N, C-alpha and C. Protein backbone atom coordinates (compact mmCIF):
# COMPACT_ATOMS: atom_id res chain seq x y z
N UNK A 1 64.66 74.01 19.10
CA UNK A 1 65.50 74.61 18.01
C UNK A 1 65.42 75.91 17.57
N UNK A 2 66.54 76.43 17.10
CA UNK A 2 66.70 77.82 16.81
C UNK A 2 66.19 77.79 15.25
N UNK A 3 65.28 78.83 14.95
CA UNK A 3 64.85 78.90 13.36
C UNK A 3 65.86 79.76 12.74
N UNK A 4 66.00 79.25 11.49
CA UNK A 4 66.97 80.05 10.84
C UNK A 4 66.53 81.45 10.28
N UNK A 5 67.07 82.55 10.05
CA UNK A 5 66.65 83.79 10.12
C UNK A 5 67.23 84.04 8.69
N UNK A 6 66.10 84.45 7.83
CA UNK A 6 66.60 84.98 6.43
C UNK A 6 67.31 86.49 6.43
N UNK A 7 68.61 86.58 5.91
CA UNK A 7 69.05 87.61 5.82
C UNK A 7 68.76 88.92 4.98
N UNK A 8 68.93 89.78 5.46
CA UNK A 8 68.36 91.09 4.26
C UNK A 8 69.64 91.04 3.24
N UNK A 9 69.31 91.72 2.25
CA UNK A 9 70.13 91.90 1.18
C UNK A 9 71.47 92.74 1.66
N UNK A 10 71.52 93.45 2.51
CA UNK A 10 72.34 94.51 3.38
C UNK A 10 73.19 93.58 4.17
N UNK A 11 72.88 92.59 5.00
CA UNK A 11 72.93 91.79 5.84
C UNK A 11 73.93 90.77 5.16
N UNK A 12 73.59 90.45 3.86
CA UNK A 12 74.20 89.54 3.12
C UNK A 12 75.35 90.05 2.52
N UNK A 13 75.34 91.20 2.07
CA UNK A 13 76.93 92.05 1.83
C UNK A 13 77.68 91.89 3.12
N UNK A 14 77.14 92.50 4.24
CA UNK A 14 77.99 92.79 5.27
C UNK A 14 78.72 90.90 5.59
N UNK A 15 78.06 90.17 5.74
CA UNK A 15 78.53 88.68 5.88
C UNK A 15 79.25 88.50 5.06
N UNK A 16 79.22 88.55 3.72
CA UNK A 16 79.98 87.97 2.48
C UNK A 16 81.46 89.07 2.66
N UNK A 17 81.26 90.50 2.94
CA UNK A 17 82.59 91.33 3.29
C UNK A 17 83.68 90.55 4.19
N UNK A 18 82.88 90.67 5.60
CA UNK A 18 83.60 89.86 6.79
C UNK A 18 84.22 88.57 6.07
N UNK A 19 83.60 87.37 5.33
CA UNK A 19 84.13 86.55 4.96
C UNK A 19 85.56 86.49 3.81
N UNK A 20 85.35 87.50 3.01
CA UNK A 20 86.51 87.98 1.96
C UNK A 20 87.40 88.54 2.99
N UNK A 21 87.32 89.37 3.97
CA UNK A 21 88.40 89.72 4.68
C UNK A 21 89.00 88.47 5.35
N UNK A 22 88.54 87.62 5.67
CA UNK A 22 89.13 86.13 6.58
C UNK A 22 89.87 85.77 5.57
N UNK A 23 89.42 85.32 4.31
CA UNK A 23 89.79 84.64 3.33
C UNK A 23 91.25 85.39 2.57
N UNK A 24 91.26 86.64 2.77
CA UNK A 24 92.30 87.52 2.06
C UNK A 24 93.44 87.68 3.46
N UNK A 25 93.25 87.03 4.53
CA UNK A 25 94.08 87.21 5.36
C UNK A 25 94.08 88.55 5.88
N UNK A 26 93.14 89.20 6.13
CA UNK A 26 92.90 90.64 6.50
C UNK A 26 92.80 90.40 7.93
N UNK A 27 92.14 89.48 8.43
CA UNK A 27 92.06 89.30 9.76
C UNK A 27 90.79 89.41 10.38
N UNK A 28 90.72 88.77 11.50
CA UNK A 28 89.13 89.20 12.33
C UNK A 28 89.33 89.54 13.77
N UNK A 29 88.31 90.04 14.26
CA UNK A 29 88.58 90.08 15.81
C UNK A 29 87.63 89.11 16.71
N UNK A 30 88.08 89.29 17.79
CA UNK A 30 87.28 88.19 19.14
C UNK A 30 87.04 89.21 20.13
N UNK A 31 85.51 89.25 20.40
CA UNK A 31 85.41 89.98 21.13
C UNK A 31 84.76 89.46 22.79
N UNK A 32 85.65 90.07 23.74
CA UNK A 32 85.29 89.59 25.30
C UNK A 32 85.31 90.70 26.22
N UNK A 33 84.78 90.29 27.44
CA UNK A 33 84.35 91.46 28.52
C UNK A 33 85.03 91.04 29.46
N UNK A 34 85.77 92.36 30.15
CA UNK A 34 86.66 92.20 31.51
C UNK A 34 86.02 93.08 32.07
N UNK A 35 85.54 92.77 33.31
CA UNK A 35 84.91 93.77 34.28
C UNK A 35 84.12 94.68 33.54
N UNK A 36 83.26 94.19 32.80
CA UNK A 36 82.22 95.02 32.09
C UNK A 36 82.64 96.18 30.92
N UNK A 37 83.87 95.78 30.47
CA UNK A 37 84.45 96.61 29.70
C UNK A 37 85.03 95.60 28.49
N UNK A 38 84.39 95.89 27.35
CA UNK A 38 84.74 95.19 26.07
C UNK A 38 86.01 95.54 25.61
N UNK A 39 86.89 93.99 25.47
CA UNK A 39 87.97 94.16 24.74
C UNK A 39 88.13 93.73 23.39
N UNK A 40 88.61 94.02 22.41
CA UNK A 40 88.52 93.59 21.16
C UNK A 40 90.26 92.84 20.71
N UNK A 41 89.83 91.64 20.37
CA UNK A 41 91.38 91.13 20.14
C UNK A 41 91.52 90.69 18.70
N UNK A 42 92.31 91.33 17.81
CA UNK A 42 92.69 91.23 16.29
C UNK A 42 93.61 90.11 16.27
N UNK A 43 93.19 89.31 15.23
CA UNK A 43 94.15 88.20 14.83
C UNK A 43 94.14 88.63 13.24
N UNK A 44 95.39 88.77 13.05
CA UNK A 44 95.92 88.84 11.82
C UNK A 44 96.41 87.44 11.09
N UNK A 45 97.34 88.00 9.94
CA UNK A 45 97.93 86.67 9.46
C UNK A 45 98.69 85.53 10.32
N UNK A 46 98.21 84.26 10.27
CA UNK A 46 98.49 83.30 11.22
C UNK A 46 99.93 82.39 10.76
N UNK A 47 101.13 82.81 11.28
CA UNK A 47 102.26 82.36 10.63
C UNK A 47 102.45 80.79 10.77
N UNK A 48 103.42 79.85 10.27
CA UNK A 48 103.37 78.73 10.35
C UNK A 48 103.52 78.36 12.12
N UNK A 49 104.47 78.92 12.67
CA UNK A 49 104.85 78.71 13.85
C UNK A 49 103.29 78.74 14.69
N UNK A 50 102.65 79.64 14.54
CA UNK A 50 101.20 79.46 15.23
C UNK A 50 100.45 78.12 14.55
N UNK A 51 100.72 78.05 13.50
CA UNK A 51 99.66 76.71 12.89
C UNK A 51 100.19 75.60 13.28
N UNK A 52 101.54 75.55 13.80
CA UNK A 52 102.00 74.38 14.39
C UNK A 52 101.83 74.16 15.73
N UNK A 53 101.66 75.34 16.27
CA UNK A 53 101.17 75.40 17.81
C UNK A 53 99.89 74.52 18.01
N UNK A 54 99.01 75.16 17.05
CA UNK A 54 97.49 74.85 17.04
C UNK A 54 97.28 73.39 16.69
N UNK A 55 98.01 72.83 15.78
CA UNK A 55 97.97 71.89 15.22
C UNK A 55 98.37 70.76 16.26
N UNK A 56 99.57 71.32 17.50
CA UNK A 56 99.89 70.31 18.51
C UNK A 56 98.50 70.32 19.33
N UNK A 57 97.58 71.15 19.54
CA UNK A 57 96.79 71.16 20.40
C UNK A 57 95.32 70.30 19.72
N UNK A 58 95.52 70.57 18.37
CA UNK A 58 94.20 69.71 17.48
C UNK A 58 94.51 68.69 17.99
N UNK A 59 95.61 68.01 17.93
CA UNK A 59 95.63 66.17 17.96
C UNK A 59 95.36 65.61 19.42
N UNK A 60 95.27 66.91 20.71
CA UNK A 60 95.00 66.48 21.80
C UNK A 60 93.73 66.56 22.26
N UNK A 61 92.95 67.06 21.22
CA UNK A 61 91.06 67.05 21.45
C UNK A 61 90.85 65.45 21.16
N UNK A 62 89.97 65.26 22.22
CA UNK A 62 89.31 63.71 22.70
C UNK A 62 87.81 63.87 22.09
N UNK A 63 87.82 63.17 21.20
CA UNK A 63 86.17 63.07 20.14
C UNK A 63 86.35 61.69 20.11
N UNK A 64 85.03 61.39 20.22
CA UNK A 64 84.41 59.92 19.95
C UNK A 64 83.47 59.83 18.90
N UNK A 65 83.79 59.68 17.73
CA UNK A 65 82.98 59.54 16.56
C UNK A 65 81.68 58.63 16.46
N UNK A 66 82.21 57.52 17.37
CA UNK A 66 81.25 56.42 17.18
C UNK A 66 80.44 56.75 18.01
N UNK A 67 80.41 57.19 19.34
CA UNK A 67 79.56 57.52 20.41
C UNK A 67 78.38 59.02 19.62
N UNK A 68 79.34 59.90 18.80
CA UNK A 68 78.34 60.89 18.32
C UNK A 68 77.21 60.41 17.25
N UNK A 69 77.78 59.18 16.66
CA UNK A 69 77.03 58.77 15.48
C UNK A 69 75.90 57.28 15.93
N UNK A 70 75.96 57.41 17.54
CA UNK A 70 75.02 56.59 17.96
C UNK A 70 73.73 56.41 17.92
N UNK A 71 72.87 55.36 17.80
CA UNK A 71 71.45 55.43 17.78
C UNK A 71 70.76 55.81 19.17
N UNK A 72 71.45 55.67 20.28
CA UNK A 72 70.91 55.96 21.42
C UNK A 72 71.15 57.39 21.86
N UNK A 73 69.97 58.09 22.08
CA UNK A 73 69.89 59.62 22.38
C UNK A 73 70.99 59.85 23.67
N UNK A 74 70.75 58.89 24.79
CA UNK A 74 71.36 59.28 26.12
C UNK A 74 73.22 59.14 25.94
N UNK A 75 73.28 58.11 24.93
CA UNK A 75 74.61 57.91 24.79
C UNK A 75 75.43 59.27 24.08
N UNK A 76 74.65 59.96 23.06
CA UNK A 76 75.02 60.96 22.33
C UNK A 76 74.91 62.05 23.45
N UNK A 77 74.00 62.21 24.07
CA UNK A 77 74.14 63.48 25.25
C UNK A 77 75.51 63.26 26.06
N UNK A 78 75.84 61.96 26.56
CA UNK A 78 76.75 61.75 27.44
C UNK A 78 78.00 62.07 26.72
N UNK A 79 78.37 61.72 25.55
CA UNK A 79 79.52 62.17 24.59
C UNK A 79 79.84 63.36 23.99
N UNK A 80 78.60 64.27 24.65
CA UNK A 80 78.66 65.90 24.01
C UNK A 80 79.23 66.34 25.43
N UNK A 81 78.60 65.78 26.55
CA UNK A 81 78.85 66.57 27.90
C UNK A 81 80.48 65.95 28.00
N UNK A 82 80.67 64.79 27.79
CA UNK A 82 82.16 64.56 27.85
C UNK A 82 83.31 65.23 26.85
N UNK A 83 82.65 65.52 25.75
CA UNK A 83 83.41 66.25 24.98
C UNK A 83 83.84 67.68 25.48
N UNK A 84 83.02 68.30 26.19
CA UNK A 84 82.70 69.81 26.71
C UNK A 84 84.02 69.54 27.66
N UNK A 85 83.65 68.84 28.62
CA UNK A 85 84.68 68.46 29.75
C UNK A 85 86.12 68.06 29.44
N UNK A 86 86.12 67.62 28.32
CA UNK A 86 87.68 67.09 27.99
C UNK A 86 88.17 68.12 26.88
N UNK A 87 87.36 69.07 26.52
CA UNK A 87 88.16 69.92 25.13
C UNK A 87 88.09 71.41 25.68
N UNK A 88 87.22 71.88 26.52
CA UNK A 88 86.76 72.92 26.38
C UNK A 88 87.94 74.05 26.89
N UNK A 89 88.82 73.64 27.79
CA UNK A 89 89.80 74.38 28.07
C UNK A 89 90.77 74.39 26.91
N UNK A 90 91.08 73.27 26.34
CA UNK A 90 91.96 72.95 25.22
C UNK A 90 91.37 74.11 24.05
N UNK A 91 90.26 74.18 23.90
CA UNK A 91 89.57 75.10 22.97
C UNK A 91 90.05 76.46 23.30
N UNK A 92 89.77 76.71 24.46
CA UNK A 92 90.14 78.21 25.07
C UNK A 92 91.82 78.61 24.60
N UNK A 93 92.84 77.50 25.11
CA UNK A 93 94.29 77.52 24.84
C UNK A 93 94.31 77.78 23.10
N UNK A 94 93.60 77.22 22.38
CA UNK A 94 94.01 77.20 20.94
C UNK A 94 93.55 78.74 20.53
N UNK A 95 92.29 79.28 21.33
CA UNK A 95 92.17 80.72 20.83
C UNK A 95 92.85 81.87 21.04
N UNK A 96 93.35 81.27 22.27
CA UNK A 96 94.65 82.39 23.18
C UNK A 96 95.93 82.49 22.02
N UNK A 97 96.29 81.10 21.91
CA UNK A 97 97.75 80.90 20.85
C UNK A 97 97.39 81.87 19.62
N UNK A 98 96.38 81.58 19.09
CA UNK A 98 95.79 82.35 17.82
C UNK A 98 95.96 83.90 18.27
N UNK A 99 95.27 84.23 19.03
CA UNK A 99 95.62 85.76 19.12
C UNK A 99 96.69 86.31 19.82
N UNK A 100 97.41 85.65 20.52
CA UNK A 100 98.72 86.00 20.99
C UNK A 100 99.62 86.19 19.75
N UNK A 101 99.37 85.15 18.89
CA UNK A 101 100.35 85.06 17.45
C UNK A 101 101.74 84.53 18.45
N UNK A 102 102.99 85.22 17.48
CA UNK A 102 104.37 85.09 17.88
C UNK A 102 104.58 85.73 18.74
N UNK A 103 104.37 87.35 18.95
CA UNK A 103 105.03 87.99 19.43
C UNK A 103 105.02 88.16 21.40
N UNK A 104 103.75 87.69 21.49
CA UNK A 104 103.57 87.64 23.21
C UNK A 104 103.30 86.46 23.39
N UNK A 105 103.37 84.78 22.64
CA UNK A 105 103.15 83.85 23.07
C UNK A 105 103.94 83.28 23.98
N UNK A 106 103.95 83.59 25.25
CA UNK A 106 104.61 82.74 26.32
C UNK A 106 103.82 82.08 26.91
N UNK A 107 104.36 81.27 27.97
CA UNK A 107 103.39 80.63 28.91
C UNK A 107 102.64 81.59 29.88
N UNK A 108 103.16 82.54 30.40
CA UNK A 108 102.10 83.36 31.44
C UNK A 108 101.15 84.10 30.24
N UNK A 109 101.39 84.66 29.49
CA UNK A 109 100.44 85.61 28.40
C UNK A 109 99.54 84.40 28.29
N UNK A 110 99.74 82.99 27.60
CA UNK A 110 98.99 82.39 27.34
C UNK A 110 98.01 81.55 28.32
N UNK A 111 98.48 81.61 29.60
CA UNK A 111 97.56 80.73 30.66
C UNK A 111 96.67 81.82 31.17
N UNK A 112 97.47 83.46 31.07
CA UNK A 112 96.30 84.42 31.49
C UNK A 112 95.18 84.46 30.35
N UNK A 113 95.34 84.50 29.02
CA UNK A 113 94.38 84.60 28.16
C UNK A 113 93.49 83.40 28.03
N UNK A 114 94.12 82.33 28.26
CA UNK A 114 93.35 81.01 28.00
C UNK A 114 92.04 81.04 28.99
N UNK A 115 92.52 81.77 30.38
CA UNK A 115 91.39 81.45 31.44
C UNK A 115 90.31 82.80 31.28
N UNK A 116 90.95 83.92 30.53
CA UNK A 116 89.97 84.85 30.18
C UNK A 116 88.95 84.32 28.89
N UNK A 117 89.60 83.73 27.86
CA UNK A 117 88.65 83.24 26.92
C UNK A 117 87.76 82.09 27.51
N UNK A 118 88.15 81.16 28.45
CA UNK A 118 87.46 80.24 28.89
C UNK A 118 86.14 80.80 29.87
N UNK A 119 86.17 81.94 30.05
CA UNK A 119 85.43 82.71 30.96
C UNK A 119 84.35 83.30 30.05
N UNK A 120 84.92 83.71 28.80
CA UNK A 120 84.25 84.42 28.23
C UNK A 120 83.35 84.11 26.89
N UNK A 121 83.99 83.00 26.31
CA UNK A 121 83.56 82.29 24.93
C UNK A 121 82.48 81.59 24.99
N UNK A 122 81.35 81.94 24.37
CA UNK A 122 80.66 80.48 24.49
C UNK A 122 80.43 79.64 23.26
N UNK A 123 79.68 78.34 22.97
CA UNK A 123 80.14 77.49 21.85
C UNK A 123 79.82 77.91 20.75
N UNK A 124 78.77 79.08 20.44
CA UNK A 124 78.78 79.61 19.29
C UNK A 124 79.73 80.63 18.70
N UNK A 125 80.18 81.39 19.52
CA UNK A 125 81.41 81.87 19.42
C UNK A 125 82.72 81.47 19.00
N UNK A 126 82.77 80.02 19.57
CA UNK A 126 83.77 79.52 19.31
C UNK A 126 83.80 78.63 17.99
N UNK A 127 82.84 78.31 17.75
CA UNK A 127 82.40 77.69 15.94
C UNK A 127 82.82 78.85 15.26
N UNK A 128 82.35 80.03 15.29
CA UNK A 128 82.58 81.32 14.38
C UNK A 128 83.97 81.34 14.44
N UNK A 129 84.69 81.30 15.40
CA UNK A 129 86.22 81.44 15.48
C UNK A 129 86.74 80.40 14.65
N UNK A 130 86.51 79.30 14.87
CA UNK A 130 87.14 78.02 14.76
C UNK A 130 87.00 78.02 13.02
N UNK A 131 85.82 78.31 12.48
CA UNK A 131 85.79 78.51 10.87
C UNK A 131 86.57 79.76 10.39
N UNK A 132 86.77 80.90 11.09
CA UNK A 132 87.69 81.75 10.57
C UNK A 132 89.12 81.48 10.78
N UNK A 133 89.49 80.76 11.87
CA UNK A 133 90.90 80.17 11.96
C UNK A 133 91.07 79.16 10.88
N UNK A 134 90.27 78.42 10.36
CA UNK A 134 90.36 77.37 9.30
C UNK A 134 90.67 78.12 8.16
N UNK A 135 89.72 78.53 7.84
CA UNK A 135 90.00 79.70 6.78
C UNK A 135 91.21 80.12 6.52
N UNK A 136 91.89 81.08 7.52
CA UNK A 136 92.65 81.61 7.60
C UNK A 136 94.39 81.11 7.37
N UNK A 137 93.99 79.77 8.06
CA UNK A 137 95.07 79.01 7.92
C UNK A 137 95.55 78.14 6.91
N UNK A 138 94.13 77.97 6.04
CA UNK A 138 94.59 77.50 4.71
C UNK A 138 95.54 76.49 4.47
N UNK A 139 94.90 75.19 5.45
CA UNK A 139 95.91 74.19 5.36
C UNK A 139 95.97 73.34 3.80
N UNK A 140 95.16 73.65 3.22
CA UNK A 140 94.99 73.15 1.90
C UNK A 140 96.17 73.80 1.14
N UNK A 141 96.63 75.11 0.80
CA UNK A 141 97.75 75.48 0.50
C UNK A 141 99.06 74.70 0.99
N UNK A 142 99.03 74.74 2.72
CA UNK A 142 100.41 74.17 3.00
C UNK A 142 100.54 72.93 2.62
N UNK A 143 99.59 71.93 2.32
CA UNK A 143 99.59 70.62 2.18
C UNK A 143 99.94 70.70 0.69
N UNK A 144 99.52 71.35 -0.16
CA UNK A 144 100.03 71.43 -1.68
C UNK A 144 101.61 71.84 -1.66
N UNK A 145 102.07 72.83 -0.82
CA UNK A 145 103.37 73.29 -0.93
C UNK A 145 104.26 72.31 -0.68
N UNK A 146 103.69 71.58 0.48
CA UNK A 146 104.85 70.53 0.82
C UNK A 146 104.73 69.30 0.16
N UNK A 147 103.62 69.20 -0.49
CA UNK A 147 103.52 68.24 -1.99
C UNK A 147 104.51 68.61 -2.92
N UNK A 148 104.37 69.54 -3.29
CA UNK A 148 105.29 70.54 -4.43
C UNK A 148 106.93 70.25 -3.99
N UNK A 149 107.05 70.62 -2.82
CA UNK A 149 108.61 70.90 -2.44
C UNK A 149 109.07 69.35 -2.34
N UNK A 150 108.10 68.15 -2.01
CA UNK A 150 108.68 67.06 -2.09
C UNK A 150 108.92 66.49 -3.43
N UNK A 151 107.94 66.75 -4.25
CA UNK A 151 108.03 66.01 -5.81
C UNK A 151 109.29 66.68 -6.53
N UNK A 152 110.10 67.54 -5.96
CA UNK A 152 111.24 67.95 -6.46
C UNK A 152 112.30 66.67 -6.65
N UNK A 153 112.37 65.82 -5.66
CA UNK A 153 113.28 64.98 -5.83
C UNK A 153 112.19 63.71 -6.64
N UNK A 154 112.94 63.61 -7.69
CA UNK A 154 112.20 62.61 -8.71
C UNK A 154 112.84 61.43 -8.81
N UNK A 155 113.70 60.95 -8.31
CA UNK A 155 114.00 59.65 -8.01
C UNK A 155 114.15 59.16 -6.55
N UNK A 156 113.91 58.00 -6.56
CA UNK A 156 114.18 57.37 -4.89
C UNK A 156 115.84 57.36 -4.84
N UNK A 157 116.01 57.76 -3.75
CA UNK A 157 117.59 57.61 -3.48
C UNK A 157 117.92 55.98 -3.35
N UNK A 158 119.34 56.01 -3.77
CA UNK A 158 119.51 54.56 -3.96
C UNK A 158 120.45 54.59 -2.52
N UNK A 159 120.32 52.93 -2.35
CA UNK A 159 121.01 52.55 -0.87
C UNK A 159 122.64 52.42 -1.05
N UNK A 160 123.53 53.03 -0.25
CA UNK A 160 124.80 52.99 -0.68
C UNK A 160 125.20 51.74 -0.66
N UNK A 161 124.83 50.73 -0.07
CA UNK A 161 125.46 49.70 0.09
C UNK A 161 125.50 48.84 -1.25
N UNK A 162 124.69 49.61 -2.26
CA UNK A 162 124.34 48.72 -3.60
C UNK A 162 125.50 49.87 -4.66
N UNK A 163 125.74 50.88 -4.15
CA UNK A 163 126.43 51.64 -5.31
C UNK A 163 128.06 51.21 -4.78
N UNK A 164 128.63 50.52 -3.55
CA UNK A 164 129.95 50.31 -3.24
C UNK A 164 130.25 49.25 -4.05
């Protein structure tokens, strides 16, 4: 197991600044390597079209919650292996959709970037990326907005048959 490292004051300030940038939709970067050269992918504001494409893939993720909460260690380990086999490529595609945004998000660029991400991102980087994306997507604000918009209709619609 990995020990938790205590951050210095300077490291805490830097970490807090990074988190505030994500929360304020300033964006974040994803770093990969291609033939030994570091590539930096910038993720800016995530529009609804990208959120829609991400959500479509989120629903395809296969996770067995029952097996993860099992008391049998072997069953938990098998579930984790299956999860990687079932979901790794899909997670890479979600990252590529987010990076490409709406401007360059066609099947060719998405396929190429998905393969590149799949070959370069590890599970810890995937976790960091996921946390940043969920913070930037701000699903809570979207849900509140849709609730407010649907609340405009104060009464239930009347059936046409009853009014005639």
